[in-house]
Amino acid sequence: MEDYLVKATAFEGKVRAYSLVATNMVNEAVKRQGTWPTASAALGRAMMAGTMMAMMLKGDSKLTVKIEGQGPIGAIIVDANTKGETRGYVSNPQVHFDLNSQGKLDVARAVGTSGYLSVVKDLGMKENFTGSVPLVSGELGEDFTYYFASSEQTPSSVGVGVLVNPDNSILAAGGFIIQLMPGADDAVIDEIEKRLSTIPPISKLVEAGMPPEEMLQALLGDDNVKFLDKLPVNFSCRCSKERIENAIISLGKKEIQAMIDEDGGAETTCSFCNEQYNLTAKELEGLLEQGK
């Protein structure tokens, strides 16, 4: 199944909703990061939540999600924009545990629960919008749900799920965000809560081949949903040699000269995509002239 996201409203505009299938997107990140299953699930959940949140923004806006739960995988960083381009990484990708008591990958143990979920939105204005909340479970779906309620005062339900194959590739990855708009009454809330309590795990729906549209219809009712847009989503890293060179220039002449004298060049690897960049001493000498 192709990766894509749908936007919708429901119950005559009293609810807005997003759903996506992102198996290929998450698999690309996992492949590049070399993550083990539990770390893969954590990274995939965060990437999908970040992707859907970015789709709530306007124009060429973008956002960064940072999750620091003091668990063994360290920080999770996700960048996403309104074009459906997302990248992400975990500090320690080789983390895996036995299944938890519910028979699922123990994401909370990997992420930890003593920390924060932060979102920085770049809306093209002078200052970025930043929101931060303490983690409530480490499972991430609940944590993003709490973020919306606490930081953005928007009652929401966030579901994100990842299934991992025995060879560590991604079998299925998908998610949804349902948000109550002003005017949503108790009848609407009761209907959504009833459906949420009976629907299978979202990753199982993706594994069964259910597309995003059908997921939202299952969550909200066939006759209640009005689809607004359909957009592709994918793993995309914006690193380049030019960006690396600019970063090195910003270090200043003293640091660049030290790279030339001590190492005879420079080597760096992008944290998101693991692309490696090498600069020779001659290339660094060219950057030296541009340094301050």
C-alpha atoms as a PDB file:
ATOM      1  CA  MET A   1       0.000   0.000   0.000  1.00  0.00           C
ATOM      2  CA  GLU A   2       1.249   3.480  -0.815  1.00  0.00           C
ATOM      3  CA  ASP A   3       1.981   5.914   1.994  1.00  0.00           C
ATOM      4  CA  TYR A   4      -0.434   8.815   2.267  1.00  0.00           C
ATOM      5  CA  LEU A   5      -2.446  10.937   4.671  1.00  0.00           C
ATOM      6  CA  VAL A   6      -6.037  12.115   4.543  1.00  0.00           C
ATOM      7  CA  LYS A   7      -7.623  15.160   6.175  1.00  0.00           C
ATOM      8  CA  ALA A   8     -11.293  15.131   7.069  1.00  0.00           C
ATOM      9  CA  THR A   9     -14.049  16.669   9.141  1.00  0.00           C
ATOM     10  CA  ALA A  10     -16.856  14.760  10.803  1.00  0.00           C
ATOM     11  CA  PHE A  11     -20.159  15.284  12.557  1.00  0.00           C
ATOM     12  CA  GLU A  12     -20.896  18.432  10.515  1.00  0.00           C
ATOM     13  CA  GLY A  13     -17.602  20.117  11.335  1.00  0.00           C
ATOM     14  CA  LYS A  14     -17.636  19.371  15.055  1.00  0.00           C
ATOM     15  CA  VAL A  15     -14.628  17.065  14.617  1.00  0.00           C
ATOM     16  CA  ARG A  16     -11.500  17.250  12.504  1.00  0.00           C
ATOM     17  CA  ALA A  17      -9.479  14.150  11.771  1.00  0.00           C
ATOM     18  CA  TYR A  18      -6.275  12.937  10.181  1.00  0.00           C
ATOM     19  CA  SER A  19      -5.203   9.426   9.307  1.00  0.00           C
ATOM     20  CA  LEU A  20      -2.211   7.982   7.513  1.00  0.00           C
ATOM     21  CA  VAL A  21      -0.488   4.843   6.388  1.00  0.00           C
ATOM     22  CA  ALA A  22       3.285   5.290   6.626  1.00  0.00           C
ATOM     23  CA  THR A  23       4.806   1.814   6.426  1.00  0.00           C
ATOM     24  CA  ASN A  24       7.339   2.763   3.754  1.00  0.00           C
ATOM     25  CA  MET A  25       8.256   6.062   5.426  1.00  0.00           C
ATOM     26  CA  VAL A  26       8.980   4.394   8.753  1.00  0.00           C
ATOM     27  CA  ASN A  27      10.773   1.494   7.085  1.00  0.00           C
ATOM     28  CA  GLU A  28      13.133   3.895   5.311  1.00  0.00           C
ATOM     29  CA  ALA A  29      14.004   5.607   8.596  1.00  0.00           C
ATOM     30  CA  VAL A  30      14.489   2.258  10.339  1.00  0.00           C
ATOM     31  CA  LYS A  31      16.712   0.990   7.529  1.00  0.00           C
ATOM     32  CA  ARG A  32      18.893   4.091   7.591  1.00  0.00           C
ATOM     33  CA  GLN A  33      19.097   4.174  11.387  1.00  0.00           C
ATOM     34  CA  GLY A  34      19.615   0.439  11.862  1.00  0.00           C
ATOM     35  CA  THR A  35      17.103   0.472  14.714  1.00  0.00           C
ATOM     36  CA  TRP A  36      16.132  -2.642  16.653  1.00  0.00           C
ATOM     37  CA  PRO A  37      12.389  -3.486  16.977  1.00  0.00           C
ATOM     38  CA  THR A  38      11.441  -1.570  20.131  1.00  0.00           C
ATOM     39  CA  ALA A  39      13.402   1.493  19.033  1.00  0.00           C
ATOM     40  CA  SER A  40      11.793   1.153  15.578  1.00  0.00           C
ATOM     41  CA  ALA A  41       8.314   1.237  17.097  1.00  0.00           C
ATOM     42  CA  ALA A  42       9.140   4.326  19.161  1.00  0.00           C
ATOM     43  CA  LEU A  43      10.682   6.143  16.213  1.00  0.00           C
ATOM     44  CA  GLY A  44       7.814   5.216  13.894  1.00  0.00           C
ATOM     45  CA  ARG A  45       5.145   6.347  16.341  1.00  0.00           C
ATOM     46  CA  ALA A  46       6.853   9.699  16.853  1.00  0.00           C
ATOM     47  CA  MET A  47       7.392  10.220  13.112  1.00  0.00           C
ATOM     48  CA  MET A  48       3.757   9.542  12.271  1.00  0.00           C
ATOM     49  CA  ALA A  49       2.447  11.829  15.012  1.00  0.00           C
ATOM     50  CA  GLY A  50       4.831  14.552  13.856  1.00  0.00           C
ATOM     51  CA  THR A  51       3.738  14.081  10.237  1.00  0.00           C
ATOM     52  CA  MET A  52       0.062  14.513  11.084  1.00  0.00           C
ATOM     53  CA  MET A  53       0.781  17.522  13.312  1.00  0.00           C
ATOM     54  CA  ALA A  54       2.734  19.206  10.505  1.00  0.00           C
ATOM     55  CA  MET A  55      -0.260  18.748   8.214  1.00  0.00           C
ATOM     56  CA  MET A  56      -2.277  20.943  10.572  1.00  0.00           C
ATOM     57  CA  LEU A  57      -0.029  23.904   9.727  1.00  0.00           C
ATOM     58  CA  LYS A  58      -0.399  26.356   6.855  1.00  0.00           C
ATOM     59  CA  GLY A  59       1.843  27.294   3.923  1.00  0.00           C
ATOM     60  CA  ASP A  60       5.480  26.190   4.071  1.00  0.00           C
ATOM     61  CA  SER A  61       5.531  25.780   7.850  1.00  0.00           C
ATOM     62  CA  LYS A  62       7.416  23.005   9.618  1.00  0.00           C
ATOM     63  CA  LEU A  63       7.863  21.614  13.080  1.00  0.00           C
ATOM     64  CA  THR A  64      10.284  19.675  15.228  1.00  0.00           C
ATOM     65  CA  VAL A  65       9.241  17.167  17.875  1.00  0.00           C
ATOM     66  CA  LYS A  66      11.667  16.255  20.634  1.00  0.00           C
ATOM     67  CA  ILE A  67      10.965  13.485  23.136  1.00  0.00           C
ATOM     68  CA  GLU A  68      13.297  12.981  26.071  1.00  0.00           C
ATOM     69  CA  GLY A  69      12.012  10.387  28.506  1.00  0.00           C
ATOM     70  CA  GLN A  70      15.291   9.372  30.162  1.00  0.00           C
ATOM     71  CA  GLY A  71      14.906   5.866  28.701  1.00  0.00           C
ATOM     72  CA  PRO A  72      17.674   3.826  27.035  1.00  0.00           C
ATOM     73  CA  ILE A  73      16.919   5.015  23.483  1.00  0.00           C
ATOM     74  CA  GLY A  74      17.732   8.590  24.538  1.00  0.00           C
ATOM     75  CA  ALA A  75      16.144  11.441  22.640  1.00  0.00           C
ATOM     76  CA  ILE A  76      13.777  11.049  19.697  1.00  0.00           C
ATOM     77  CA  ILE A  77      13.926  13.893  17.178  1.00  0.00           C
ATOM     78  CA  VAL A  78      11.420  14.333  14.339  1.00  0.00           C
ATOM     79  CA  ASP A  79      11.294  17.044  11.663  1.00  0.00           C
ATOM     80  CA  ALA A  80       8.179  17.327   9.495  1.00  0.00           C
ATOM     81  CA  ASN A  81       6.668  19.881   7.122  1.00  0.00           C
ATOM     82  CA  THR A  82       3.423  20.641   5.312  1.00  0.00           C
ATOM     83  CA  LYS A  83       4.641  18.834   2.178  1.00  0.00           C
ATOM     84  CA  GLY A  84       4.493  15.443   3.876  1.00  0.00           C
ATOM     85  CA  GLU A  85       8.275  15.238   4.191  1.00  0.00           C
ATOM     86  CA  THR A  86       9.436  13.754   7.488  1.00  0.00           C
ATOM     87  CA  ARG A  87      12.708  12.602   8.983  1.00  0.00           C
ATOM     88  CA  GLY A  88      13.581  11.314  12.437  1.00  0.00           C
ATOM     89  CA  TYR A  89      16.145   9.536  14.564  1.00  0.00           C
ATOM     90  CA  VAL A  90      16.725   8.133  18.042  1.00  0.00           C
ATOM     91  CA  SER A  91      19.976   8.704  19.940  1.00  0.00           C
ATOM     92  CA  ASN A  92      20.498   4.994  20.656  1.00  0.00           C
ATOM     93  CA  PRO A  93      18.940   2.898  17.885  1.00  0.00           C
ATOM     94  CA  GLN A  94      20.061  -0.543  19.133  1.00  0.00           C
ATOM     95  CA  VAL A  95      17.461  -0.953  21.893  1.00  0.00           C
ATOM     96  CA  HIS A  96      15.028  -3.864  22.193  1.00  0.00           C
ATOM     97  CA  PHE A  97      13.121  -5.592  24.994  1.00  0.00           C
ATOM     98  CA  ASP A  98      10.787  -8.530  25.416  1.00  0.00           C
ATOM     99  CA  LEU A  99       7.118  -7.839  24.745  1.00  0.00           C
ATOM    100  CA  ASN A 100       5.182  -6.116  27.525  1.00  0.00           C
ATOM    101  CA  SER A 101       2.261  -7.591  29.481  1.00  0.00           C
ATOM    102  CA  GLN A 102      -0.123  -6.715  26.613  1.00  0.00           C
ATOM    103  CA  GLY A 103       2.026  -8.647  24.150  1.00  0.00           C
ATOM    104  CA  LYS A 104       3.236  -5.479  22.441  1.00  0.00           C
ATOM    105  CA  LEU A 105       6.650  -3.918  21.908  1.00  0.00           C
ATOM    106  CA  ASP A 106       7.617  -2.214  25.183  1.00  0.00           C
ATOM    107  CA  VAL A 107       7.943   1.314  23.843  1.00  0.00           C
ATOM    108  CA  ALA A 108       7.394   2.935  27.262  1.00  0.00           C
ATOM    109  CA  ARG A 109      10.386   1.063  28.688  1.00  0.00           C
ATOM    110  CA  ALA A 110      12.559   2.198  25.778  1.00  0.00           C
ATOM    111  CA  VAL A 111      11.389   5.823  25.816  1.00  0.00           C
ATOM    112  CA  GLY A 112      11.103   6.263  29.570  1.00  0.00           C
ATOM    113  CA  THR A 113       8.495   8.287  31.440  1.00  0.00           C
ATOM    114  CA  SER A 114      10.555  10.863  33.354  1.00  0.00           C
ATOM    115  CA  GLY A 115      10.873  13.579  30.790  1.00  0.00           C
ATOM    116  CA  TYR A 116       9.184  15.844  28.291  1.00  0.00           C
ATOM    117  CA  LEU A 117       7.605  16.023  24.851  1.00  0.00           C
ATOM    118  CA  SER A 118       8.366  19.330  23.138  1.00  0.00           C
ATOM    119  CA  VAL A 119       7.089  20.739  19.854  1.00  0.00           C
ATOM    120  CA  VAL A 120       8.658  23.700  18.069  1.00  0.00           C
ATOM    121  CA  LYS A 121       6.629  25.136  15.175  1.00  0.00           C
ATOM    122  CA  ASP A 122       8.323  27.297  12.556  1.00  0.00           C
ATOM    123  CA  LEU A 123       5.451  29.273  11.063  1.00  0.00           C
ATOM    124  CA  GLY A 124       7.654  31.697   9.123  1.00  0.00           C
ATOM    125  CA  MET A 125       7.259  34.389  11.763  1.00  0.00           C
ATOM    126  CA  LYS A 126       9.901  36.211  13.769  1.00  0.00           C
ATOM    127  CA  GLU A 127       9.635  33.778  16.667  1.00  0.00           C
ATOM    128  CA  ASN A 128       8.789  30.080  16.715  1.00  0.00           C
ATOM    129  CA  PHE A 129       5.935  28.645  18.768  1.00  0.00           C
ATOM    130  CA  THR A 130       7.146  26.206  21.425  1.00  0.00           C
ATOM    131  CA  GLY A 131       5.050  23.897  23.577  1.00  0.00           C
ATOM    132  CA  SER A 132       6.279  21.345  26.112  1.00  0.00           C
ATOM    133  CA  VAL A 133       4.528  18.854  28.381  1.00  0.00           C
ATOM    134  CA  PRO A 134       5.712  16.102  30.723  1.00  0.00           C
ATOM    135  CA  LEU A 135       5.406  12.556  29.431  1.00  0.00           C
ATOM    136  CA  VAL A 136       2.447  10.694  30.877  1.00  0.00           C
ATOM    137  CA  SER A 137       3.080   7.135  29.678  1.00  0.00           C
ATOM    138  CA  GLY A 138       6.033   6.867  27.289  1.00  0.00           C
ATOM    139  CA  GLU A 139       3.803   4.953  24.856  1.00  0.00           C
ATOM    140  CA  LEU A 140       3.668   8.195  22.804  1.00  0.00           C
ATOM    141  CA  GLY A 141       0.069   8.033  21.592  1.00  0.00           C
ATOM    142  CA  GLU A 142      -1.124   9.012  25.071  1.00  0.00           C
ATOM    143  CA  ASP A 143       1.679  11.549  25.351  1.00  0.00           C
ATOM    144  CA  PHE A 144       0.689  13.353  22.149  1.00  0.00           C
ATOM    145  CA  THR A 145      -2.936  13.241  23.288  1.00  0.00           C
ATOM    146  CA  TYR A 146      -1.903  14.967  26.512  1.00  0.00           C
ATOM    147  CA  TYR A 147       0.172  17.491  24.572  1.00  0.00           C
ATOM    148  CA  PHE A 148      -2.858  18.619  22.546  1.00  0.00           C
ATOM    149  CA  ALA A 149      -5.059  18.884  25.638  1.00  0.00           C
ATOM    150  CA  SER A 150      -2.498  20.684  27.776  1.00  0.00           C
ATOM    151  CA  SER A 151      -0.442  22.800  25.373  1.00  0.00           C
ATOM    152  CA  GLU A 152      -3.003  23.559  22.655  1.00  0.00           C
ATOM    153  CA  GLN A 153      -6.235  23.168  24.647  1.00  0.00           C
ATOM    154  CA  THR A 154      -7.680  20.877  21.992  1.00  0.00           C
ATOM    155  CA  PRO A 155      -9.335  17.647  23.212  1.00  0.00           C
ATOM    156  CA  SER A 156      -7.834  14.948  20.997  1.00  0.00           C
ATOM    157  CA  SER A 157      -7.257  11.248  20.586  1.00  0.00           C
ATOM    158  CA  VAL A 158      -3.963  10.151  19.027  1.00  0.00           C
ATOM    159  CA  GLY A 159      -3.363   6.582  17.900  1.00  0.00           C
ATOM    160  CA  VAL A 160      -0.100   5.446  16.326  1.00  0.00           C
ATOM    161  CA  GLY A 161       1.055   1.870  15.785  1.00  0.00           C
ATOM    162  CA  VAL A 162       3.985  -0.005  14.277  1.00  0.00           C
ATOM    163  CA  LEU A 163       4.406  -3.726  13.582  1.00  0.00           C
ATOM    164  CA  VAL A 164       7.947  -5.032  13.023  1.00  0.00           C
ATOM    165  CA  ASN A 165       8.919  -8.080  10.946  1.00  0.00           C
ATOM    166  CA  PRO A 166      11.325 -10.758  12.252  1.00  0.00           C
ATOM    167  CA  ASP A 167      14.030  -9.282   9.963  1.00  0.00           C
ATOM    168  CA  ASN A 168      13.559  -5.869  11.677  1.00  0.00           C
ATOM    169  CA  SER A 169      11.829  -4.300   8.653  1.00  0.00           C
ATOM    170  CA  ILE A 170       8.435  -2.649   9.120  1.00  0.00           C
ATOM    171  CA  LEU A 171       5.355  -4.773   8.466  1.00  0.00           C
ATOM    172  CA  ALA A 172       2.765  -2.045   9.070  1.00  0.00           C
ATOM    173  CA  ALA A 173       2.671   1.522  10.364  1.00  0.00           C
ATOM    174  CA  GLY A 174      -0.257   3.887  10.608  1.00  0.00           C
ATOM    175  CA  GLY A 175      -2.035   6.351  12.815  1.00  0.00           C
ATOM    176  CA  PHE A 176      -4.819   8.847  13.394  1.00  0.00           C
ATOM    177  CA  ILE A 177      -5.573  12.073  15.219  1.00  0.00           C
ATOM    178  CA  ILE A 178      -9.160  12.967  16.074  1.00  0.00           C
ATOM    179  CA  GLN A 179      -9.859  16.421  17.523  1.00  0.00           C
ATOM    180  CA  LEU A 180     -13.004  17.945  18.980  1.00  0.00           C
ATOM    181  CA  MET A 181     -13.898  21.391  17.713  1.00  0.00           C
ATOM    182  CA  PRO A 182     -15.942  23.994  19.627  1.00  0.00           C
ATOM    183  CA  GLY A 183     -19.547  22.902  19.542  1.00  0.00           C
ATOM    184  CA  ALA A 184     -18.917  19.179  19.830  1.00  0.00           C
ATOM    185  CA  ASP A 185     -21.662  17.905  22.133  1.00  0.00           C
ATOM    186  CA  ASP A 186     -21.857  14.937  24.479  1.00  0.00           C
ATOM    187  CA  ALA A 187     -23.560  12.759  21.860  1.00  0.00           C
ATOM    188  CA  VAL A 188     -20.634  13.201  19.476  1.00  0.00           C
ATOM    189  CA  ILE A 189     -18.119  12.530  22.232  1.00  0.00           C
ATOM    190  CA  ASP A 190     -19.966   9.404  23.373  1.00  0.00           C
ATOM    191  CA  GLU A 191     -20.130   8.044  19.819  1.00  0.00           C
ATOM    192  CA  ILE A 192     -16.385   8.557  19.262  1.00  0.00           C
ATOM    193  CA  GLU A 193     -15.448   7.068  22.631  1.00  0.00           C
ATOM    194  CA  LYS A 194     -17.603   4.012  21.922  1.00  0.00           C
ATOM    195  CA  ARG A 195     -15.932   3.434  18.576  1.00  0.00           C
ATOM    196  CA  LEU A 196     -12.418   3.998  19.949  1.00  0.00           C
ATOM    197  CA  SER A 197     -13.031   1.393  22.656  1.00  0.00           C
ATOM    198  CA  THR A 198     -13.969  -1.334  20.183  1.00  0.00           C
ATOM    199  CA  ILE A 199     -11.654  -0.765  17.201  1.00  0.00           C
ATOM    200  CA  PRO A 200      -8.616  -3.081  16.826  1.00  0.00           C
ATOM    201  CA  PRO A 201      -5.079  -1.639  17.153  1.00  0.00           C
ATOM    202  CA  ILE A 202      -4.384   0.748  14.290  1.00  0.00           C
ATOM    203  CA  SER A 203      -1.315  -1.214  13.166  1.00  0.00           C
ATOM    204  CA  LYS A 204      -3.487  -4.318  12.763  1.00  0.00           C
ATOM    205  CA  LEU A 205      -5.857  -2.387  10.511  1.00  0.00           C
ATOM    206  CA  VAL A 206      -2.930  -1.314   8.323  1.00  0.00           C
ATOM    207  CA  GLU A 207      -1.609  -4.879   8.240  1.00  0.00           C
ATOM    208  CA  ALA A 208      -5.045  -6.005   7.033  1.00  0.00           C
ATOM    209  CA  GLY A 209      -4.799  -3.521   4.158  1.00  0.00           C
ATOM    210  CA  MET A 210      -7.188  -0.861   5.444  1.00  0.00           C
ATOM    211  CA  PRO A 211      -6.470   2.540   3.829  1.00  0.00           C
ATOM    212  CA  PRO A 212      -6.606   5.824   5.794  1.00  0.00           C
ATOM    213  CA  GLU A 213     -10.103   6.681   4.542  1.00  0.00           C
ATOM    214  CA  GLU A 214     -11.560   3.431   5.859  1.00  0.00           C
ATOM    215  CA  MET A 215      -9.754   3.869   9.158  1.00  0.00           C
ATOM    216  CA  LEU A 216     -11.485   7.182   9.759  1.00  0.00           C
ATOM    217  CA  GLN A 217     -14.824   5.725   8.684  1.00  0.00           C
ATOM    218  CA  ALA A 218     -14.346   2.908  11.204  1.00  0.00           C
ATOM    219  CA  LEU A 219     -13.410   5.424  13.896  1.00  0.00           C
ATOM    220  CA  LEU A 220     -16.132   7.979  13.175  1.00  0.00           C
ATOM    221  CA  GLY A 221     -18.854   6.233  11.151  1.00  0.00           C
ATOM    222  CA  ASP A 222     -19.211   5.970   7.367  1.00  0.00           C
ATOM    223  CA  ASP A 223     -21.899   8.626   7.076  1.00  0.00           C
ATOM    224  CA  ASN A 224     -20.235  11.090   9.448  1.00  0.00           C
ATOM    225  CA  VAL A 225     -16.950  11.718   7.617  1.00  0.00           C
ATOM    226  CA  LYS A 226     -16.269  14.328   4.942  1.00  0.00           C
ATOM    227  CA  PHE A 227     -12.851  13.992   3.302  1.00  0.00           C
ATOM    228  CA  LEU A 228     -11.011  17.197   2.459  1.00  0.00           C
ATOM    229  CA  ASP A 229      -7.581  16.257   1.131  1.00  0.00           C
ATOM    230  CA  LYS A 230      -5.214  13.402   0.343  1.00  0.00           C
ATOM    231  CA  LEU A 231      -1.437  13.917   0.448  1.00  0.00           C
ATOM    232  CA  PRO A 232       1.594  11.643   0.005  1.00  0.00           C
ATOM    233  CA  VAL A 233       3.977  11.250   2.948  1.00  0.00           C
ATOM    234  CA  ASN A 234       7.567  10.081   2.796  1.00  0.00           C
ATOM    235  CA  PHE A 235      10.921   9.988   4.526  1.00  0.00           C
ATOM    236  CA  SER A 236      12.938  12.953   3.297  1.00  0.00           C
ATOM    237  CA  CYS A 237      16.209  14.348   4.621  1.00  0.00           C
ATOM    238  CA  ARG A 238      17.322  17.839   3.712  1.00  0.00           C
ATOM    239  CA  CYS A 239      20.989  17.379   4.456  1.00  0.00           C
ATOM    240  CA  SER A 240      23.558  18.245   1.753  1.00  0.00           C
ATOM    241  CA  LYS A 241      27.256  18.919   1.408  1.00  0.00           C
ATOM    242  CA  GLU A 242      26.484  22.617   1.105  1.00  0.00           C
ATOM    243  CA  ARG A 243      24.660  22.604   4.453  1.00  0.00           C
ATOM    244  CA  ILE A 244      27.589  20.771   6.054  1.00  0.00           C
ATOM    245  CA  GLU A 245      30.011  23.311   4.631  1.00  0.00           C
ATOM    246  CA  ASN A 246      27.929  26.193   5.974  1.00  0.00           C
ATOM    247  CA  ALA A 247      27.866  24.548   9.397  1.00  0.00           C
ATOM    248  CA  ILE A 248      31.653  24.211   9.337  1.00  0.00           C
ATOM    249  CA  ILE A 249      32.066  27.852   8.275  1.00  0.00           C
ATOM    250  CA  SER A 250      29.967  28.892  11.270  1.00  0.00           C
ATOM    251  CA  LEU A 251      32.493  27.218  13.595  1.00  0.00           C
ATOM    252  CA  GLY A 252      35.042  29.918  12.784  1.00  0.00           C
ATOM    253  CA  LYS A 253      38.570  29.997  11.358  1.00  0.00           C
ATOM    254  CA  LYS A 254      40.227  28.617  14.468  1.00  0.00           C
ATOM    255  CA  GLU A 255      38.173  25.425  14.456  1.00  0.00           C
ATOM    256  CA  ILE A 256      38.543  24.959  10.706  1.00  0.00           C
ATOM    257  CA  GLN A 257      42.327  25.372  10.928  1.00  0.00           C
ATOM    258  CA  ALA A 258      42.410  22.762  13.706  1.00  0.00           C
ATOM    259  CA  MET A 259      40.574  20.303  11.420  1.00  0.00           C
ATOM    260  CA  ILE A 260      43.199  20.888   8.731  1.00  0.00           C
ATOM    261  CA  ASP A 261      46.209  20.644  11.056  1.00  0.00           C
ATOM    262  CA  GLU A 262      45.053  17.788  13.283  1.00  0.00           C
ATOM    263  CA  ASP A 263      42.872  15.640  11.025  1.00  0.00           C
ATOM    264  CA  GLY A 264      43.810  16.619   7.491  1.00  0.00           C
ATOM    265  CA  GLY A 265      40.136  16.933   6.615  1.00  0.00           C
ATOM    266  CA  ALA A 266      36.672  16.513   8.102  1.00  0.00           C
ATOM    267  CA  GLU A 267      34.166  13.697   8.229  1.00  0.00           C
ATOM    268  CA  THR A 268      30.593  13.964   9.446  1.00  0.00           C
ATOM    269  CA  THR A 269      27.470  11.810   9.293  1.00  0.00           C
ATOM    270  CA  CYS A 270      23.894  13.084   9.188  1.00  0.00           C
ATOM    271  CA  SER A 271      22.009  11.927  12.280  1.00  0.00           C
ATOM    272  CA  PHE A 272      18.754  11.550  10.332  1.00  0.00           C
ATOM    273  CA  CYS A 273      19.746   9.650   7.187  1.00  0.00           C
ATOM    274  CA  ASN A 274      23.255   8.386   8.022  1.00  0.00           C
ATOM    275  CA  GLU A 275      24.648   9.952   4.849  1.00  0.00           C
ATOM    276  CA  GLN A 276      28.378  10.504   5.290  1.00  0.00           C
ATOM    277  CA  TYR A 277      30.160  13.648   4.105  1.00  0.00           C
ATOM    278  CA  ASN A 278      33.931  13.952   3.715  1.00  0.00           C
ATOM    279  CA  LEU A 279      35.848  17.172   3.129  1.00  0.00           C
ATOM    280  CA  THR A 280      39.506  17.221   2.164  1.00  0.00           C
ATOM    281  CA  ALA A 281      42.084  19.590   3.627  1.00  0.00           C
ATOM    282  CA  LYS A 282      41.968  21.546   0.370  1.00  0.00           C
ATOM    283  CA  GLU A 283      38.189  21.946   0.629  1.00  0.00           C
ATOM    284  CA  LEU A 284      38.541  23.077   4.235  1.00  0.00           C
ATOM    285  CA  GLU A 285      41.134  25.659   3.168  1.00  0.00           C
ATOM    286  CA  GLY A 286      38.518  27.059   0.807  1.00  0.00           C
ATOM    287  CA  LEU A 287      36.047  27.303   3.690  1.00  0.00           C
ATOM    288  CA  LEU A 288      38.708  28.910   5.868  1.00  0.00           C
ATOM    289  CA  GLU A 289      38.573  32.021   3.728  1.00  0.00           C
ATOM    290  CA  GLN A 290      34.852  32.341   4.421  1.00  0.00           C
ATOM    291  CA  GLY A 291      35.122  31.766   8.177  1.00  0.00           C
ATOM    292  CA  LYS A 292      35.119  34.516  10.787  1.00  0.00           C
END
